[in-house]
């Protein structure tokens, strides 16, 4: 007899017995263990289509290649036609003189406030309240990680603190200090005035400090006839602008190539929501265009008419198109049971007893179910409340037999 063959068979048998013993122990623990519970909570189940595409806007690059530029508009700010969006300085001396003039103007504003507050005690008290609010705003911005808002709040708070300092010093000599600052400001402006020029908005629209070269190749007009192949070959043009671009209107688009099978679920004009990377909320969009098929792909174009300021800096972005969403109560899949009357429901732990609460099934995921409270045939209001499933209830997750009023073991 072959010794090696016998040894192999013995090893195989031992391994099989070990596996059977493991699963036997697990089954015993499962059927004999005390009941376990899972908290019911509100949940939204979404069917989404993952996308990778581009945001598209009707935009124009503002030509400017000067190195010394001071941008005077915030990202996403609305600007009227002919209004200044930046100042170009012909020399470093002119830029320094302008910055000096701005700092002196801040000091002048603080001194004028102190001059007014010295004559008005109520203004000084209001300043204390404003400082307290400023501290709260700064802490809130830092707590949520919004460092841009934090910088703005910090600057405003610093200004208010300086105003208070000047106020409590008293009004002695304020007139002379104000006159001296005005003279310094006039001199700084004369030094800067000859070496600057304004860059103005070519049309009324929304300002963006970024210019990436897609402005002339990815346009709303081009999307009307663009094929999936043309979309895949889109490349930015060389662009040099130290100022940025202006965006016309409020409408913007998101375009992405999708599989023909995925596009079959969509129809032009359908209103959906888009969760786009880089934006902290879902955005309402409309299916604007679905192109013809090319190599198993179609170009999907979504149109949005709000929240333009949230996407002015975005271009090549991943996103999720929310095709359907359902709101309900989430429970583990094995907590869903069929009651004595044949209705679906959940046994919940109330005190030390199990009670059945009927539900209607909305959606079934891999390991959970989304449900809503089922119809309850109750005469008394207290019974209706008692048998209605709510967020926060403790759903029983167990393989043991359950029935209304069963006394549960302590867990």
Protein backbone atom coordinates (compact mmCIF):
# COMPACT_ATOMS: atom_id res chain seq x y z
CA UNK A 1 0.00 0.00 0.00
CA UNK A 2 1.25 3.45 -0.86
CA UNK A 3 2.19 5.20 2.42
CA UNK A 4 2.13 8.69 0.83
CA UNK A 5 -1.42 8.16 -0.51
CA UNK A 6 -2.67 7.02 2.92
CA UNK A 7 -1.08 10.05 4.61
CA UNK A 8 -2.73 12.41 2.12
CA UNK A 9 -6.15 10.86 2.74
CA UNK A 10 -5.75 11.13 6.50
CA UNK A 11 -4.76 14.79 6.26
CA UNK A 12 -7.76 15.51 4.02
CA UNK A 13 -10.14 13.79 6.43
CA UNK A 14 -8.72 15.72 9.41
CA UNK A 15 -9.06 19.03 7.59
CA UNK A 16 -12.67 18.22 6.67
CA UNK A 17 -13.47 17.32 10.28
CA UNK A 18 -11.88 20.56 11.50
CA UNK A 19 -13.97 22.62 9.07
CA UNK A 20 -17.17 20.81 10.06
CA UNK A 21 -16.38 21.29 13.75
CA UNK A 22 -15.79 25.03 13.21
CA UNK A 23 -19.10 25.57 11.44
CA UNK A 24 -20.87 23.38 14.00
CA UNK A 25 -19.62 25.54 16.85
CA UNK A 26 -20.61 28.71 15.02
CA UNK A 27 -24.11 27.36 14.35
CA UNK A 28 -24.51 26.31 18.00
CA UNK A 29 -23.46 29.76 19.19
CA UNK A 30 -25.81 31.41 16.72
CA UNK A 31 -28.88 29.40 17.71
CA UNK A 32 -28.27 29.40 21.45
CA UNK A 33 -26.83 32.87 22.04
CA UNK A 34 -28.91 35.57 23.61
CA UNK A 35 -30.79 37.85 21.22
CA UNK A 36 -28.80 40.68 19.65
CA UNK A 37 -30.24 44.00 18.53
CA UNK A 38 -29.48 46.59 15.89
CA UNK A 39 -30.60 50.21 16.11
CA UNK A 40 -33.05 51.33 13.41
CA UNK A 41 -32.07 54.63 11.76
CA UNK A 42 -33.18 56.90 8.94
CA UNK A 43 -31.33 56.26 5.69
CA UNK A 44 -31.36 57.26 2.03
CA UNK A 45 -30.67 54.57 -0.57
CA UNK A 46 -29.48 55.90 -3.90
CA UNK A 47 -29.03 54.42 -7.35
CA UNK A 48 -26.17 56.32 -8.93
CA UNK A 49 -24.25 56.42 -12.20
CA UNK A 50 -20.53 57.11 -11.74
CA UNK A 51 -19.20 59.71 -14.20
CA UNK A 52 -15.86 61.19 -15.16
CA UNK A 53 -16.17 64.34 -17.21
CA UNK A 54 -15.75 68.10 -17.57
CA UNK A 55 -17.64 71.17 -16.42
CA UNK A 56 -18.39 73.50 -19.31
CA UNK A 57 -19.28 77.20 -19.19
CA UNK A 58 -19.71 80.08 -21.64
CA UNK A 59 -16.49 81.85 -20.71
CA UNK A 60 -13.79 84.14 -22.06
CA UNK A 61 -10.18 84.49 -20.99
CA UNK A 62 -9.22 88.03 -19.98
CA UNK A 63 -5.96 88.75 -21.79
CA UNK A 64 -3.23 89.88 -19.44
CA UNK A 65 0.32 88.56 -19.08
CA UNK A 66 1.69 91.22 -16.74
CA UNK A 67 3.59 89.78 -13.74
CA UNK A 68 2.58 92.41 -11.17
CA UNK A 69 -1.20 92.08 -10.81
CA UNK A 70 -3.51 92.69 -7.87
CA UNK A 71 -6.83 90.84 -8.24
CA UNK A 72 -9.68 92.93 -6.86
CA UNK A 73 -12.50 90.38 -7.20
CA UNK A 74 -13.25 87.17 -5.29
CA UNK A 75 -13.70 83.81 -7.00
CA UNK A 76 -17.30 83.45 -8.17
CA UNK A 77 -18.13 87.14 -7.66
CA UNK A 78 -20.61 88.85 -9.99
CA UNK A 79 -19.03 91.77 -11.89
CA UNK A 80 -20.65 94.40 -14.08
CA UNK A 81 -19.41 95.28 -17.57
CA UNK A 82 -16.50 97.70 -17.48
CA UNK A 83 -15.92 97.25 -13.76
CA UNK A 84 -12.38 96.72 -12.50
CA UNK A 85 -11.37 93.10 -11.89
CA UNK A 86 -7.63 93.67 -11.41
CA UNK A 87 -4.96 96.34 -11.21
CA UNK A 88 -1.72 96.01 -13.18
CA UNK A 89 1.40 97.64 -11.78
CA UNK A 90 4.19 98.75 -14.07
CA UNK A 91 6.84 98.43 -11.35
CA UNK A 92 7.46 96.90 -7.95
CA UNK A 93 7.67 100.41 -6.49
CA UNK A 94 4.15 101.19 -7.70
CA UNK A 95 2.84 97.94 -6.18
CA UNK A 96 4.52 98.70 -2.85
CA UNK A 97 3.14 102.23 -2.85
CA UNK A 98 -0.39 100.92 -3.46
CA UNK A 99 -0.12 98.40 -0.66
CA UNK A 100 1.16 101.13 1.65
CA UNK A 101 -1.82 103.28 0.71
CA UNK A 102 -4.22 100.43 1.51
CA UNK A 103 -2.63 99.86 4.94
CA UNK A 104 -2.79 103.57 5.71
CA UNK A 105 -6.45 103.65 4.64
CA UNK A 106 -7.21 100.86 7.13
CA UNK A 107 -5.56 102.86 9.89
CA UNK A 108 -7.47 105.96 8.83
CA UNK A 109 -10.78 104.09 9.00
CA UNK A 110 -9.96 102.88 12.53
CA UNK A 111 -9.01 106.37 13.70
CA UNK A 112 -12.19 107.88 12.26
CA UNK A 113 -14.24 105.23 14.07
CA UNK A 114 -12.39 105.99 17.31
CA UNK A 115 -13.08 109.71 16.79
CA UNK A 116 -16.79 108.98 16.39
CA UNK A 117 -16.91 106.51 19.32
CA UNK A 118 -15.19 109.02 21.63
CA UNK A 119 -18.26 111.21 21.21
CA UNK A 120 -20.74 108.32 21.35
CA UNK A 121 -20.61 105.78 24.21
CA UNK A 122 -23.24 103.62 22.49
CA UNK A 123 -20.91 103.06 19.51
CA UNK A 124 -18.20 101.79 21.85
CA UNK A 125 -20.62 99.30 23.43
CA UNK A 126 -21.70 98.07 20.00
CA UNK A 127 -18.05 97.49 19.17
CA UNK A 128 -17.69 95.12 22.15
CA UNK A 129 -20.66 93.10 20.88
CA UNK A 130 -19.19 93.00 17.36
CA UNK A 131 -15.86 91.70 18.73
CA UNK A 132 -17.65 88.90 20.58
CA UNK A 133 -19.51 87.93 17.39
CA UNK A 134 -16.26 88.10 15.45
CA UNK A 135 -14.59 85.65 17.86
CA UNK A 136 -17.52 83.24 17.50
CA UNK A 137 -17.40 83.51 13.67
CA UNK A 138 -13.65 82.85 13.64
CA UNK A 139 -13.96 79.78 15.87
CA UNK A 140 -16.85 78.41 13.78
CA UNK A 141 -14.88 78.83 10.52
CA UNK A 142 -11.82 77.07 11.95
CA UNK A 143 -13.94 74.28 13.46
CA UNK A 144 -15.45 73.38 10.08
CA UNK A 145 -12.10 73.69 8.29
CA UNK A 146 -13.12 76.70 6.18
CA UNK A 147 -9.77 78.49 6.27
CA UNK A 148 -10.72 81.08 3.63
CA UNK A 149 -13.65 82.22 5.78
CA UNK A 150 -11.36 82.01 8.80
CA UNK A 151 -8.87 84.39 7.20
CA UNK A 152 -11.66 86.86 6.42
CA UNK A 153 -13.06 86.61 9.97
CA UNK A 154 -9.57 87.02 11.44
CA UNK A 155 -8.91 90.17 9.42
CA UNK A 156 -12.27 91.67 10.44
CA UNK A 157 -11.63 90.79 14.08
CA UNK A 158 -8.19 92.40 14.00
CA UNK A 159 -9.72 95.59 12.63
CA UNK A 160 -12.35 95.70 15.40
CA UNK A 161 -9.75 95.09 18.11
CA UNK A 162 -7.62 97.96 16.81
CA UNK A 163 -10.70 100.19 16.73
CA UNK A 164 -11.34 99.39 20.38
CA UNK A 165 -7.73 100.14 21.26
CA UNK A 166 -7.89 103.53 19.58
CA UNK A 167 -11.29 104.21 21.19
CA UNK A 168 -10.09 103.55 24.75
CA UNK A 169 -7.01 105.70 24.27
CA UNK A 170 -9.34 108.68 24.14
CA UNK A 171 -9.88 111.38 21.56
CA UNK A 172 -6.82 113.49 22.36
CA UNK A 173 -4.75 114.22 19.28
CA UNK A 174 -6.98 112.22 16.93
CA UNK A 175 -7.58 115.16 14.59
CA UNK A 176 -3.83 115.69 14.10
CA UNK A 177 -3.17 111.95 13.54
CA UNK A 178 -6.01 111.74 11.01
CA UNK A 179 -4.67 114.75 9.09
CA UNK A 180 -1.17 113.24 9.05
CA UNK A 181 -2.48 109.90 7.73
CA UNK A 182 -4.48 111.63 4.99
CA UNK A 183 -1.31 113.38 3.84
CA UNK A 184 0.63 110.07 3.79
CA UNK A 185 -2.15 108.40 1.80
CA UNK A 186 -2.18 111.19 -0.77
CA UNK A 187 1.58 110.87 -1.22
CA UNK A 188 1.39 107.06 -1.58
CA UNK A 189 -1.39 107.37 -4.16
CA UNK A 190 0.65 109.88 -6.17
CA UNK A 191 3.57 107.44 -6.16
CA UNK A 192 1.43 104.54 -7.33
CA UNK A 193 -0.92 106.41 -9.66
CA UNK A 194 1.42 106.82 -12.58
CA UNK A 195 2.45 103.19 -12.66
CA UNK A 196 -0.91 101.41 -12.70
CA UNK A 197 -3.71 100.53 -15.08
CA UNK A 198 -7.08 98.88 -14.53
CA UNK A 199 -8.17 95.58 -16.12
CA UNK A 200 -11.92 95.75 -16.71
CA UNK A 201 -14.58 93.10 -17.26
CA UNK A 202 -15.41 92.80 -20.99
CA UNK A 203 -19.05 91.92 -20.15
CA UNK A 204 -21.28 91.44 -17.12
CA UNK A 205 -20.78 88.00 -15.62
CA UNK A 206 -19.06 85.89 -12.99
CA UNK A 207 -15.35 86.21 -12.32
CA UNK A 208 -12.92 83.28 -11.98
CA UNK A 209 -9.20 83.61 -11.34
CA UNK A 210 -8.36 80.38 -13.25
CA UNK A 211 -7.73 80.05 -16.98
CA UNK A 212 -6.89 76.53 -18.16
CA UNK A 213 -7.07 76.60 -21.95
CA UNK A 214 -10.40 74.76 -22.30
CA UNK A 215 -12.38 78.01 -22.55
CA UNK A 216 -12.36 78.07 -26.36
CA UNK A 217 -12.51 74.30 -27.06
CA UNK A 218 -15.11 73.14 -24.51
CA UNK A 219 -18.04 75.47 -25.10
CA UNK A 220 -21.80 75.08 -24.78
CA UNK A 221 -22.14 75.46 -28.55
CA UNK A 222 -19.60 72.69 -29.21
CA UNK A 223 -21.47 70.29 -26.90
CA UNK A 224 -24.56 70.50 -29.12
CA UNK A 225 -22.91 68.44 -31.89
CA UNK A 226 -19.89 66.85 -30.19
CA UNK A 227 -19.46 63.07 -30.51
CA UNK A 228 -17.92 60.75 -27.89
CA UNK A 229 -14.77 60.46 -30.03
CA UNK A 230 -14.39 64.22 -30.34
CA UNK A 231 -14.95 64.58 -26.60
CA UNK A 232 -12.19 62.05 -25.86
CA UNK A 233 -9.75 64.01 -28.05
CA UNK A 234 -10.43 67.43 -26.48
CA UNK A 235 -7.20 69.09 -25.32
CA UNK A 236 -6.56 72.54 -23.82
CA UNK A 237 -5.05 75.34 -25.88
CA UNK A 238 -2.03 77.30 -24.64
CA UNK A 239 -3.19 80.24 -22.56
CA UNK A 240 -1.36 82.89 -20.58
CA UNK A 241 -3.41 85.06 -18.29
CA UNK A 242 -2.53 86.38 -14.85
CA UNK A 243 -6.07 87.70 -14.38
CA UNK A 244 -8.35 84.75 -15.21
CA UNK A 245 -11.64 84.61 -17.08
CA UNK A 246 -15.21 85.91 -17.13
CA UNK A 247 -18.26 83.62 -17.36
CA UNK A 248 -21.49 84.65 -19.11
CA UNK A 249 -24.91 83.92 -17.66
CA UNK A 250 -25.83 81.47 -14.91
CA UNK A 251 -26.08 78.26 -16.97
CA UNK A 252 -23.28 75.68 -16.92
CA UNK A 253 -22.91 72.10 -18.14
CA UNK A 254 -21.33 68.80 -17.15
CA UNK A 255 -20.34 66.47 -19.99
CA UNK A 256 -19.17 62.85 -19.75
CA UNK A 257 -18.90 59.81 -22.02
CA UNK A 258 -21.03 56.91 -20.73
CA UNK A 259 -21.70 53.35 -21.85
CA UNK A 260 -24.67 53.06 -24.20
CA UNK A 261 -26.39 50.72 -21.75
CA UNK A 262 -26.19 53.32 -18.99
CA UNK A 263 -27.47 56.05 -21.29
CA UNK A 264 -30.49 53.89 -22.15
CA UNK A 265 -31.86 54.59 -18.67
CA UNK A 266 -31.90 58.35 -19.34
CA UNK A 267 -34.14 60.61 -21.39
CA UNK A 268 -33.57 64.20 -22.45
CA UNK A 269 -35.37 66.64 -20.20
CA UNK A 270 -35.26 64.38 -17.13
CA UNK A 271 -34.47 66.26 -13.92
CA UNK A 272 -31.91 64.65 -11.62
CA UNK A 273 -29.28 65.54 -9.02
CA UNK A 274 -25.52 65.55 -9.51
CA UNK A 275 -23.01 64.97 -6.71
CA UNK A 276 -19.82 66.45 -8.13
CA UNK A 277 -16.40 66.08 -6.53
CA UNK A 278 -15.31 69.31 -4.87
CA UNK A 279 -18.85 70.54 -4.07
CA UNK A 280 -20.35 69.83 -0.66
CA UNK A 281 -23.96 69.46 -1.83
CA UNK A 282 -25.93 67.81 -4.61
CA UNK A 283 -26.78 70.06 -7.56
CA UNK A 284 -30.02 70.02 -9.58
CA UNK A 285 -29.40 69.20 -13.26
CA UNK A 286 -31.40 68.37 -16.38
CA UNK A 287 -30.43 65.84 -19.05
CA UNK A 288 -29.74 68.27 -21.92
CA UNK A 289 -28.43 65.94 -24.63
CA UNK A 290 -27.58 62.29 -25.27
CA UNK A 291 -25.47 61.87 -28.40
CA UNK A 292 -25.58 59.06 -30.92
CA UNK A 293 -23.67 55.87 -30.19
CA UNK A 294 -20.00 55.57 -31.12
CA UNK A 295 -17.95 52.48 -30.18
CA UNK A 296 -20.39 51.60 -27.41
CA UNK A 297 -20.29 55.11 -25.94
CA UNK A 298 -22.61 58.12 -25.86
CA UNK A 299 -21.90 61.67 -24.79
CA UNK A 300 -24.11 62.71 -21.89
CA UNK A 301 -24.60 66.46 -21.39
CA UNK A 302 -26.22 67.73 -18.20
CA UNK A 303 -27.40 71.33 -17.82
CA UNK A 304 -27.49 73.26 -14.54
CA UNK A 305 -28.93 76.72 -13.98
CA UNK A 306 -27.90 77.38 -10.39
CA UNK A 307 -24.86 77.25 -8.09
CA UNK A 308 -22.49 78.51 -10.79
CA UNK A 309 -20.26 80.11 -8.13
CA UNK A 310 -19.64 76.65 -6.63
CA UNK A 311 -18.08 75.29 -9.85
CA UNK A 312 -16.16 78.22 -11.34
CA UNK A 313 -12.81 76.61 -10.42
CA UNK A 314 -13.76 73.05 -11.45
CA UNK A 315 -12.99 71.43 -14.80
CA UNK A 316 -11.95 67.75 -14.99
CA UNK A 317 -14.10 66.23 -12.23
CA UNK A 318 -15.53 62.89 -11.18
CA UNK A 319 -19.20 62.88 -10.21
CA UNK A 320 -22.20 60.69 -9.42
CA UNK A 321 -25.52 61.16 -11.17
CA UNK A 322 -28.30 60.23 -8.74
CA UNK A 323 -30.85 58.31 -10.81
CA UNK A 324 -33.17 57.40 -7.96
CA UNK A 325 -33.27 57.87 -4.21
CA UNK A 326 -35.48 56.43 -1.51
CA UNK A 327 -35.81 57.58 2.09
CA UNK A 328 -36.77 55.14 4.80
CA UNK A 329 -35.60 53.23 7.85
CA UNK A 330 -32.57 50.96 7.59
CA UNK A 331 -32.61 47.55 9.26
CA UNK A 332 -30.32 44.50 8.91
CA UNK A 333 -31.60 42.09 6.27
CA UNK A 334 -31.93 39.20 8.75
CA UNK A 335 -34.06 41.37 11.05
CA UNK A 336 -36.90 41.33 8.50
CA UNK A 337 -39.44 38.63 9.38
CA UNK A 338 -42.88 37.39 8.41
CA UNK A 339 -45.44 37.71 11.19
CA UNK A 340 -48.26 35.39 12.15
CA UNK A 341 -50.63 37.15 9.75
CA UNK A 342 -48.21 36.79 6.82
CA UNK A 343 -47.11 40.42 6.86
CA UNK A 344 -43.50 41.59 6.78
CA UNK A 345 -42.22 43.27 9.89
CA UNK A 346 -39.54 43.62 12.52
CA UNK A 347 -39.47 42.31 16.06
CA UNK A 348 -38.24 45.06 18.36
CA UNK A 349 -37.03 44.89 21.91
CA UNK A 350 -39.28 46.98 24.14
CA UNK A 351 -38.21 46.71 27.74
CA UNK A 352 -37.46 42.99 28.12
CA UNK A 353 -40.03 41.77 25.58
CA UNK A 354 -40.21 41.28 21.81
CA UNK A 355 -42.99 42.99 19.87
CA UNK A 356 -43.74 42.80 16.15
CA UNK A 357 -43.94 46.04 14.13
CA UNK A 358 -45.21 45.74 10.52
CA UNK A 359 -43.26 47.34 7.68
CA UNK A 360 -43.40 47.80 3.92
CA UNK A 361 -40.22 46.97 2.03
CA UNK A 362 -38.85 49.76 -0.19
CA UNK A 363 -35.40 48.50 -1.17
CA UNK A 364 -33.09 45.58 -0.45
CA UNK A 365 -29.32 46.00 -0.42
CA UNK A 366 -26.57 43.45 0.12
CA UNK A 367 -26.93 43.27 3.89
CA UNK A 368 -29.74 45.66 4.73
CA UNK A 369 -33.34 46.53 3.91
CA UNK A 370 -34.92 49.95 3.57
CA UNK A 371 -38.44 49.97 4.98
CA UNK A 372 -41.25 52.28 6.04
CA UNK A 373 -43.79 51.64 8.81
CA UNK A 374 -46.61 49.41 7.61
CA UNK A 375 -50.33 49.94 8.05
CA UNK A 376 -51.49 49.28 11.60
CA UNK A 377 -55.02 48.18 12.42
CA UNK A 378 -55.45 49.82 15.81
CA UNK A 379 -58.38 51.54 17.46
CA UNK A 380 -56.47 53.23 20.24
CA UNK A 381 -53.88 55.92 19.50
CA UNK A 382 -51.53 54.37 22.06
CA UNK A 383 -51.54 51.04 20.16
CA UNK A 384 -50.84 52.84 16.89
CA UNK A 385 -47.83 54.56 18.46
CA UNK A 386 -46.63 51.35 20.13
CA UNK A 387 -46.60 49.27 16.95
CA UNK A 388 -45.14 51.92 14.60
CA UNK A 389 -41.46 51.38 13.69
CA UNK A 390 -39.35 54.49 14.31
CA UNK A 391 -35.73 55.55 14.10
CA UNK A 392 -34.04 54.59 17.36
CA UNK A 393 -36.00 51.35 17.84
CA UNK A 394 -33.96 48.24 18.65
CA UNK A 395 -34.59 45.60 15.97
CA UNK A 396 -33.93 42.02 17.04
CA UNK A 397 -31.37 40.19 14.91
CA UNK A 398 -31.51 36.51 15.89
CA UNK A 399 -32.26 33.03 14.56
CA UNK A 400 -34.33 32.01 17.59
CA UNK A 401 -38.10 31.80 17.53
CA UNK A 402 -39.78 35.10 18.26
CA UNK A 403 -43.36 36.03 19.07
CA UNK A 404 -45.20 38.96 20.58
CA UNK A 405 -44.56 39.32 24.29
CA UNK A 406 -41.62 36.89 24.41
CA UNK A 407 -39.40 37.62 27.39
CA UNK A 408 -35.84 38.15 26.21
CA UNK A 409 -32.65 37.16 27.88
CA UNK A 410 -30.42 39.86 29.27
CA UNK A 411 -27.59 40.69 26.86
